[in-house]
Amino acid sequence: MSETACEPIPDSPQVTPTQTAFVRFADHCATCRTCCAMDDEGANLNLPCAEQDRLREGYRQAGRAAGRGGGR
């Protein structure tokens, strides 16, 4: 058995604030009745959703902070 087999496993990868914001945004869009509303032909109605707007802005701001070096 080699010595490397006994080395501790490094910590799991860090999740960035931008990734966290995107997951929140995507999860909302995939589960919200308003965001998922479709017409009779199955096309998304693109209805306004205040929560979607708020989460999209949070994702946008997190990306901007990461671009400035503040979200890593």
N, C-alpha and C. Protein backbone atom coordinates (compact mmCIF):
# COMPACT_ATOMS: atom_id res chain seq x y z
N MET A 1 0.84 -1.18 0.00
CA MET A 1 0.00 0.00 0.00
C MET A 1 0.89 1.24 0.00
N SER A 2 0.58 2.19 -0.86
CA SER A 2 1.41 3.39 -0.94
C SER A 2 0.99 4.40 0.12
N GLU A 3 1.88 5.34 0.37
CA GLU A 3 1.59 6.39 1.36
C GLU A 3 0.48 7.32 0.88
N THR A 4 0.34 7.49 -0.43
CA THR A 4 -0.69 8.40 -0.95
C THR A 4 -2.10 7.90 -0.66
N ALA A 5 -2.27 6.61 -0.48
CA ALA A 5 -3.61 6.08 -0.20
C ALA A 5 -4.13 6.53 1.15
N CYS A 6 -3.23 6.97 2.04
CA CYS A 6 -3.64 7.38 3.37
C CYS A 6 -3.81 8.90 3.51
N GLU A 7 -3.56 9.63 2.43
CA GLU A 7 -3.70 11.07 2.51
C GLU A 7 -5.17 11.45 2.61
N PRO A 8 -5.47 12.50 3.37
CA PRO A 8 -6.86 12.92 3.48
C PRO A 8 -7.39 13.43 2.14
N ILE A 9 -8.66 13.24 1.93
CA ILE A 9 -9.31 13.74 0.71
C ILE A 9 -9.47 15.25 0.86
N PRO A 10 -9.08 16.01 -0.15
CA PRO A 10 -9.23 17.46 -0.05
C PRO A 10 -10.70 17.85 0.10
N ASP A 11 -10.92 19.02 0.67
CA ASP A 11 -12.29 19.51 0.83
C ASP A 11 -13.01 19.53 -0.51
N SER A 12 -14.31 19.42 -0.44
CA SER A 12 -15.09 19.47 -1.67
C SER A 12 -14.91 20.85 -2.32
N PRO A 13 -15.13 20.93 -3.61
CA PRO A 13 -14.95 22.21 -4.30
C PRO A 13 -15.82 23.30 -3.68
N GLN A 14 -15.30 24.50 -3.69
CA GLN A 14 -16.04 25.63 -3.15
C GLN A 14 -17.13 26.04 -4.14
N VAL A 15 -18.29 26.37 -3.62
CA VAL A 15 -19.38 26.87 -4.46
C VAL A 15 -19.35 28.39 -4.35
N THR A 16 -19.31 29.04 -5.49
CA THR A 16 -19.21 30.50 -5.50
C THR A 16 -20.58 31.13 -5.27
N PRO A 17 -20.61 32.38 -4.83
CA PRO A 17 -21.89 33.09 -4.70
C PRO A 17 -22.64 33.17 -6.03
N THR A 18 -21.92 33.27 -7.14
CA THR A 18 -22.58 33.33 -8.45
C THR A 18 -23.27 32.00 -8.74
N GLN A 19 -22.62 30.88 -8.43
CA GLN A 19 -23.24 29.58 -8.64
C GLN A 19 -24.46 29.39 -7.76
N THR A 20 -24.36 29.82 -6.52
CA THR A 20 -25.48 29.72 -5.59
C THR A 20 -26.67 30.53 -6.09
N ALA A 21 -26.41 31.75 -6.55
CA ALA A 21 -27.48 32.62 -7.05
C ALA A 21 -28.12 32.01 -8.29
N PHE A 22 -27.30 31.41 -9.16
CA PHE A 22 -27.85 30.80 -10.37
C PHE A 22 -28.75 29.62 -10.03
N VAL A 23 -28.32 28.79 -9.09
CA VAL A 23 -29.13 27.63 -8.70
C VAL A 23 -30.47 28.08 -8.12
N ARG A 24 -30.46 29.11 -7.30
CA ARG A 24 -31.73 29.63 -6.76
C ARG A 24 -32.64 30.12 -7.88
N PHE A 25 -32.06 30.87 -8.82
CA PHE A 25 -32.81 31.41 -9.95
C PHE A 25 -33.38 30.28 -10.80
N ALA A 26 -32.55 29.32 -11.17
CA ALA A 26 -32.98 28.22 -12.02
C ALA A 26 -34.02 27.34 -11.32
N ASP A 27 -33.83 27.07 -10.04
CA ASP A 27 -34.80 26.26 -9.30
C ASP A 27 -36.15 26.95 -9.27
N HIS A 28 -36.15 28.25 -9.03
CA HIS A 28 -37.41 28.99 -9.02
C HIS A 28 -38.10 28.89 -10.38
N CYS A 29 -37.34 29.17 -11.45
CA CYS A 29 -37.93 29.18 -12.79
C CYS A 29 -38.47 27.82 -13.20
N ALA A 30 -37.88 26.76 -12.69
CA ALA A 30 -38.32 25.41 -13.05
C ALA A 30 -39.52 24.94 -12.24
N THR A 31 -39.82 25.62 -11.12
CA THR A 31 -40.89 25.15 -10.25
C THR A 31 -42.03 26.14 -10.06
N CYS A 32 -41.83 27.37 -10.45
CA CYS A 32 -42.86 28.41 -10.24
C CYS A 32 -43.99 28.25 -11.27
N ARG A 33 -45.23 28.25 -10.80
CA ARG A 33 -46.38 28.10 -11.70
C ARG A 33 -46.46 29.26 -12.69
N THR A 34 -46.12 30.44 -12.25
CA THR A 34 -46.17 31.61 -13.14
C THR A 34 -45.10 31.50 -14.22
N CYS A 35 -43.89 31.16 -13.81
CA CYS A 35 -42.77 31.07 -14.76
C CYS A 35 -42.96 29.92 -15.75
N CYS A 36 -43.66 28.87 -15.33
CA CYS A 36 -43.84 27.69 -16.17
C CYS A 36 -45.16 27.69 -16.93
N ALA A 37 -45.96 28.75 -16.78
CA ALA A 37 -47.28 28.79 -17.43
C ALA A 37 -47.14 28.67 -18.94
N MET A 38 -48.00 27.82 -19.52
CA MET A 38 -47.97 27.58 -20.97
C MET A 38 -49.35 27.76 -21.58
N ASP A 39 -49.35 28.09 -22.86
CA ASP A 39 -50.61 28.21 -23.57
C ASP A 39 -51.07 26.82 -24.03
N ASP A 40 -52.16 26.77 -24.78
CA ASP A 40 -52.72 25.50 -25.23
C ASP A 40 -51.79 24.71 -26.14
N GLU A 41 -50.84 25.40 -26.78
CA GLU A 41 -49.92 24.75 -27.68
C GLU A 41 -48.60 24.37 -27.01
N GLY A 42 -48.48 24.68 -25.72
CA GLY A 42 -47.28 24.32 -24.96
C GLY A 42 -46.18 25.36 -24.98
N ALA A 43 -46.47 26.54 -25.52
CA ALA A 43 -45.47 27.62 -25.54
C ALA A 43 -45.52 28.37 -24.20
N ASN A 44 -44.36 28.71 -23.67
CA ASN A 44 -44.29 29.45 -22.41
C ASN A 44 -44.92 30.83 -22.61
N LEU A 45 -45.73 31.26 -21.65
CA LEU A 45 -46.42 32.55 -21.76
C LEU A 45 -45.56 33.73 -21.34
N ASN A 46 -44.40 33.47 -20.74
CA ASN A 46 -43.51 34.54 -20.28
C ASN A 46 -44.23 35.57 -19.42
N LEU A 47 -45.01 35.07 -18.46
CA LEU A 47 -45.74 35.96 -17.57
C LEU A 47 -44.78 36.65 -16.60
N PRO A 48 -45.09 37.88 -16.21
CA PRO A 48 -44.22 38.56 -15.25
C PRO A 48 -44.24 37.88 -13.88
N CYS A 49 -43.08 37.78 -13.27
CA CYS A 49 -42.96 37.15 -11.95
C CYS A 49 -41.96 37.98 -11.14
N ALA A 50 -42.44 38.60 -10.07
CA ALA A 50 -41.59 39.46 -9.25
C ALA A 50 -40.44 38.67 -8.61
N GLU A 51 -40.71 37.45 -8.19
CA GLU A 51 -39.65 36.64 -7.57
C GLU A 51 -38.57 36.29 -8.60
N GLN A 52 -38.97 35.97 -9.80
CA GLN A 52 -38.00 35.69 -10.86
C GLN A 52 -37.12 36.93 -11.11
N ASP A 53 -37.75 38.08 -11.17
CA ASP A 53 -36.99 39.32 -11.38
C ASP A 53 -35.99 39.55 -10.25
N ARG A 54 -36.43 39.32 -9.02
CA ARG A 54 -35.55 39.52 -7.86
C ARG A 54 -34.36 38.56 -7.90
N LEU A 55 -34.63 37.28 -8.20
CA LEU A 55 -33.57 36.28 -8.25
C LEU A 55 -32.62 36.53 -9.43
N ARG A 56 -33.15 36.96 -10.56
CA ARG A 56 -32.30 37.27 -11.71
C ARG A 56 -31.37 38.43 -11.38
N GLU A 57 -31.90 39.43 -10.69
CA GLU A 57 -31.07 40.57 -10.28
C GLU A 57 -29.99 40.13 -9.29
N GLY A 58 -30.33 39.23 -8.37
CA GLY A 58 -29.34 38.70 -7.44
C GLY A 58 -28.24 37.95 -8.16
N TYR A 59 -28.61 37.17 -9.16
CA TYR A 59 -27.63 36.43 -9.96
C TYR A 59 -26.75 37.41 -10.74
N ARG A 60 -27.36 38.42 -11.31
CA ARG A 60 -26.61 39.42 -12.08
C ARG A 60 -25.61 40.14 -11.18
N GLN A 61 -26.06 40.54 -9.99
CA GLN A 61 -25.17 41.24 -9.06
C GLN A 61 -24.04 40.34 -8.57
N ALA A 62 -24.35 39.07 -8.33
CA ALA A 62 -23.30 38.13 -7.90
C ALA A 62 -22.25 37.97 -8.99
N GLY A 63 -22.68 37.93 -10.24
CA GLY A 63 -21.74 37.83 -11.35
C GLY A 63 -20.87 39.07 -11.47
N ARG A 64 -21.47 40.23 -11.24
CA ARG A 64 -20.70 41.47 -11.30
C ARG A 64 -19.67 41.52 -10.18
N ALA A 65 -20.07 41.09 -8.99
CA ALA A 65 -19.13 41.08 -7.85
C ALA A 65 -17.97 40.12 -8.12
N ALA A 66 -18.27 38.98 -8.74
CA ALA A 66 -17.23 38.01 -9.07
C ALA A 66 -16.28 38.60 -10.11
N GLY A 67 -16.82 39.37 -11.04
CA GLY A 67 -15.99 40.00 -12.05
C GLY A 67 -15.04 41.02 -11.46
N ARG A 68 -15.44 41.61 -10.35
CA ARG A 68 -14.58 42.58 -9.65
C ARG A 68 -13.67 41.90 -8.64
N GLY A 69 -13.82 40.58 -8.51
CA GLY A 69 -12.99 39.83 -7.57
C GLY A 69 -13.61 39.72 -6.19
N GLY A 70 -14.87 40.11 -6.03
CA GLY A 70 -15.50 40.09 -4.72
C GLY A 70 -16.32 38.87 -4.44
N GLY A 71 -16.52 37.99 -5.42
CA GLY A 71 -17.41 36.84 -5.19
C GLY A 71 -16.71 35.51 -5.24
N ARG A 72 -15.44 35.50 -5.02
CA ARG A 72 -14.71 34.22 -5.11
C ARG A 72 -14.32 33.71 -3.78
